[in-house]
Amino acid sequence: MKMQLIQPFISAADCVLATAFDGPITIGDLSMEQDDYRQKGYAARISISGDIEGRIIVDMSSETALRVASALSGQQIEAADQTVRETVHELANMMIGNAVTLLNDHGYQFKVFPPEENIENDPIRSKSDTEEIAIYFDTACGRIFLNVRMRYNLRSRPQNVPVHSAS
């Protein structure tokens, strides 16, 4: 997996979370995932297709999602409802939007799809030919997980990726 495809998502998440929660963010260990992804609670999955393809999952426990929704809305939210889901999706949109800007600056062309919601405990299947990374961010509201699976689209090779000839 090319870190140049992953790093923009990590950088964007760090920046957005630090700004949104107006405080320090601790970035956890980066790990390679080999099993199907299992949600922690509220998750937003955003798919990307074009020169690069894959998906990004922003995920957090129900308790963290309630605290995030309360912090971002400026009012205390007591129960999980549509507002919490919409807040998680909006947070994911902000992170992905920043990452997309960084990737566009490198010349990649792709389409970003709106966030999709997954049913809790429904595994998100991994493709055997694509690696994934998982990382978490500790915020004042709790731990937020980021799971990224990206690869170059072999049918649509980016121009800035060198092609090696067999000599």
Protein backbone atom coordinates (compact mmCIF):
# COMPACT_ATOMS: atom_id res chain seq x y z
CA MET A 1 0.00 0.00 0.00
CA LYS A 2 1.30 3.40 -0.87
CA MET A 3 1.44 5.75 2.10
CA GLN A 4 1.03 8.67 -0.30
CA LEU A 5 -2.60 7.54 -0.68
CA ILE A 6 -3.11 7.05 3.06
CA GLN A 7 -1.24 9.98 4.60
CA PRO A 8 -3.70 12.64 3.35
CA PHE A 9 -6.52 10.92 5.27
CA ILE A 10 -4.50 10.73 8.48
CA SER A 11 -3.37 14.36 8.18
CA ALA A 12 -6.88 15.57 7.36
CA ALA A 13 -8.43 13.65 10.26
CA ASP A 14 -5.86 15.05 12.69
CA CYS A 15 -6.44 18.62 11.48
CA VAL A 16 -10.26 18.41 11.44
CA LEU A 17 -10.49 16.75 14.85
CA ALA A 18 -8.09 19.25 16.48
CA THR A 19 -10.09 22.13 15.02
CA ALA A 20 -13.54 20.68 15.73
CA PHE A 21 -12.78 19.87 19.36
CA ASP A 22 -10.43 22.80 19.95
CA GLY A 23 -7.89 20.73 21.75
CA PRO A 24 -5.03 18.31 21.48
CA ILE A 25 -5.45 15.07 19.60
CA THR A 26 -3.37 11.99 20.26
CA ILE A 27 -2.81 9.74 17.27
CA GLY A 28 -2.72 6.04 18.10
CA ASP A 29 -0.74 3.25 16.53
CA LEU A 30 -1.08 2.61 12.84
CA SER A 31 -1.79 -1.04 12.06
CA MET A 32 -2.35 -3.09 8.94
CA GLU A 33 -5.72 -4.81 8.95
CA GLN A 34 -6.20 -8.27 7.51
CA ASP A 35 -9.62 -9.22 8.83
CA ASP A 36 -13.05 -7.87 7.93
CA TYR A 37 -13.70 -4.56 9.62
CA ARG A 38 -16.16 -4.62 12.53
CA GLN A 39 -17.82 -1.40 13.58
CA LYS A 40 -17.38 0.02 17.04
CA GLY A 41 -20.74 1.84 17.04
CA TYR A 42 -21.60 4.71 14.71
CA ALA A 43 -19.74 4.54 11.42
CA ALA A 44 -19.74 6.46 8.17
CA ARG A 45 -18.25 4.78 5.09
CA ILE A 46 -17.21 6.91 2.14
CA SER A 47 -16.25 5.30 -1.16
CA ILE A 48 -13.87 6.70 -3.78
CA SER A 49 -13.61 5.65 -7.42
CA GLY A 50 -11.36 6.86 -10.23
CA ASP A 51 -7.56 6.99 -10.57
CA ILE A 52 -7.54 5.73 -7.00
CA GLU A 53 -10.26 3.66 -5.42
CA GLY A 54 -11.24 2.38 -2.05
CA ARG A 55 -13.17 3.38 1.02
CA ILE A 56 -12.69 5.20 4.28
CA ILE A 57 -14.56 4.44 7.49
CA VAL A 58 -14.88 6.92 10.35
CA ASP A 59 -16.13 5.04 13.39
CA MET A 60 -16.74 5.59 17.09
CA SER A 61 -18.57 4.04 20.01
CA SER A 62 -22.13 5.13 20.80
CA GLU A 63 -20.91 7.04 23.85
CA THR A 64 -18.27 8.88 21.87
CA ALA A 65 -20.78 9.65 19.10
CA LEU A 66 -23.13 11.25 21.67
CA ARG A 67 -20.29 13.40 23.05
CA VAL A 68 -19.17 14.35 19.51
CA ALA A 69 -22.73 15.33 18.51
CA SER A 70 -23.10 17.37 21.70
CA ALA A 71 -19.75 19.13 21.18
CA LEU A 72 -20.36 19.95 17.53
CA SER A 73 -23.99 21.02 17.96
CA GLY A 74 -23.31 23.10 21.05
CA GLN A 75 -26.14 21.47 22.98
CA GLN A 76 -26.38 18.41 25.19
CA ILE A 77 -27.66 15.39 23.28
CA GLU A 78 -28.89 12.68 25.62
CA ALA A 79 -30.06 9.89 23.33
CA ALA A 80 -28.89 8.37 20.10
CA ASP A 81 -31.01 9.70 17.27
CA GLN A 82 -30.75 10.90 13.69
CA THR A 83 -28.77 13.95 14.84
CA VAL A 84 -25.99 11.68 16.08
CA ARG A 85 -25.84 9.79 12.76
CA GLU A 86 -25.85 13.01 10.77
CA THR A 87 -23.08 14.44 12.96
CA VAL A 88 -20.88 11.37 12.41
CA HIS A 89 -21.49 11.65 8.66
CA GLU A 90 -20.69 15.36 8.68
CA LEU A 91 -17.48 14.78 10.62
CA ALA A 92 -16.50 12.12 8.05
CA ASN A 93 -17.32 14.56 5.22
CA MET A 94 -15.09 17.22 6.75
CA MET A 95 -12.17 14.78 7.10
CA ILE A 96 -12.56 13.35 3.62
CA GLY A 97 -13.03 16.80 2.08
CA ASN A 98 -9.65 17.90 3.42
CA ALA A 99 -7.98 14.69 2.25
CA VAL A 100 -9.55 14.99 -1.20
CA THR A 101 -8.05 18.45 -1.58
CA LEU A 102 -4.59 17.05 -0.82
CA LEU A 103 -5.05 14.17 -3.28
CA ASN A 104 -6.39 16.49 -6.00
CA ASP A 105 -3.29 18.64 -5.56
CA HIS A 106 -1.26 15.54 -6.55
CA GLY A 107 -3.21 15.18 -9.80
CA TYR A 108 -5.50 12.27 -8.94
CA GLN A 109 -8.95 12.32 -10.50
CA PHE A 110 -11.74 10.48 -8.73
CA LYS A 111 -15.30 10.68 -7.52
CA VAL A 112 -16.23 10.75 -3.83
CA PHE A 113 -19.56 9.20 -2.90
CA PRO A 114 -21.78 10.38 -0.03
CA PRO A 115 -21.38 8.67 3.36
CA GLU A 116 -23.13 5.36 3.80
CA GLU A 117 -24.24 3.94 7.09
CA ASN A 118 -23.57 0.37 8.12
CA ILE A 119 -25.57 -1.67 10.57
CA GLU A 120 -23.61 -2.14 13.78
CA ASN A 121 -21.76 -5.48 13.93
CA ASP A 122 -22.23 -6.05 10.19
CA PRO A 123 -18.72 -6.84 8.93
CA ILE A 124 -17.32 -4.73 6.13
CA ARG A 125 -15.61 -7.15 3.78
CA SER A 126 -12.03 -6.63 2.77
CA LYS A 127 -10.82 -7.32 -0.74
CA SER A 128 -8.05 -9.86 -0.87
CA ASP A 129 -5.92 -7.72 -3.21
CA THR A 130 -6.13 -4.54 -1.13
CA GLU A 131 -4.49 -3.83 2.20
CA GLU A 132 -6.05 -1.66 4.87
CA ILE A 133 -4.72 0.51 7.64
CA ALA A 134 -6.41 1.29 10.91
CA ILE A 135 -5.57 4.16 13.21
CA TYR A 136 -7.33 5.87 16.06
CA PHE A 137 -7.41 9.39 17.42
CA ASP A 138 -7.97 10.12 21.10
CA THR A 139 -10.00 13.31 21.47
CA ALA A 140 -11.68 15.09 24.37
CA CYS A 141 -14.90 13.33 23.29
CA GLY A 142 -13.37 9.85 23.12
CA ARG A 143 -11.62 7.58 20.65
CA ILE A 144 -12.39 7.98 16.94
CA PHE A 145 -11.29 5.26 14.55
CA LEU A 146 -10.21 5.69 10.96
CA ASN A 147 -9.97 2.68 8.66
CA VAL A 148 -8.61 3.33 5.16
CA ARG A 149 -8.49 0.95 2.20
CA MET A 150 -7.07 2.63 -0.90
CA ARG A 151 -5.29 1.46 -4.02
CA TYR A 152 -4.42 2.63 -7.47
CA ASN A 153 -7.07 1.72 -10.00
CA LEU A 154 -5.15 -0.49 -12.40
CA ARG A 155 -7.66 0.25 -15.17
CA SER A 156 -7.07 3.98 -14.76
CA ARG A 157 -3.39 4.43 -13.95
CA PRO A 158 -2.57 7.88 -12.55
CA GLN A 159 -0.15 9.82 -14.71
CA ASN A 160 2.15 10.64 -11.81
CA VAL A 161 2.87 7.00 -11.00
CA PRO A 162 5.95 5.77 -12.88
CA VAL A 163 5.56 2.80 -15.18
CA HIS A 164 8.47 0.33 -15.07
CA SER A 165 9.28 -1.42 -18.30
CA ALA A 166 10.52 -4.97 -18.41
CA SER A 167 13.94 -4.76 -20.03
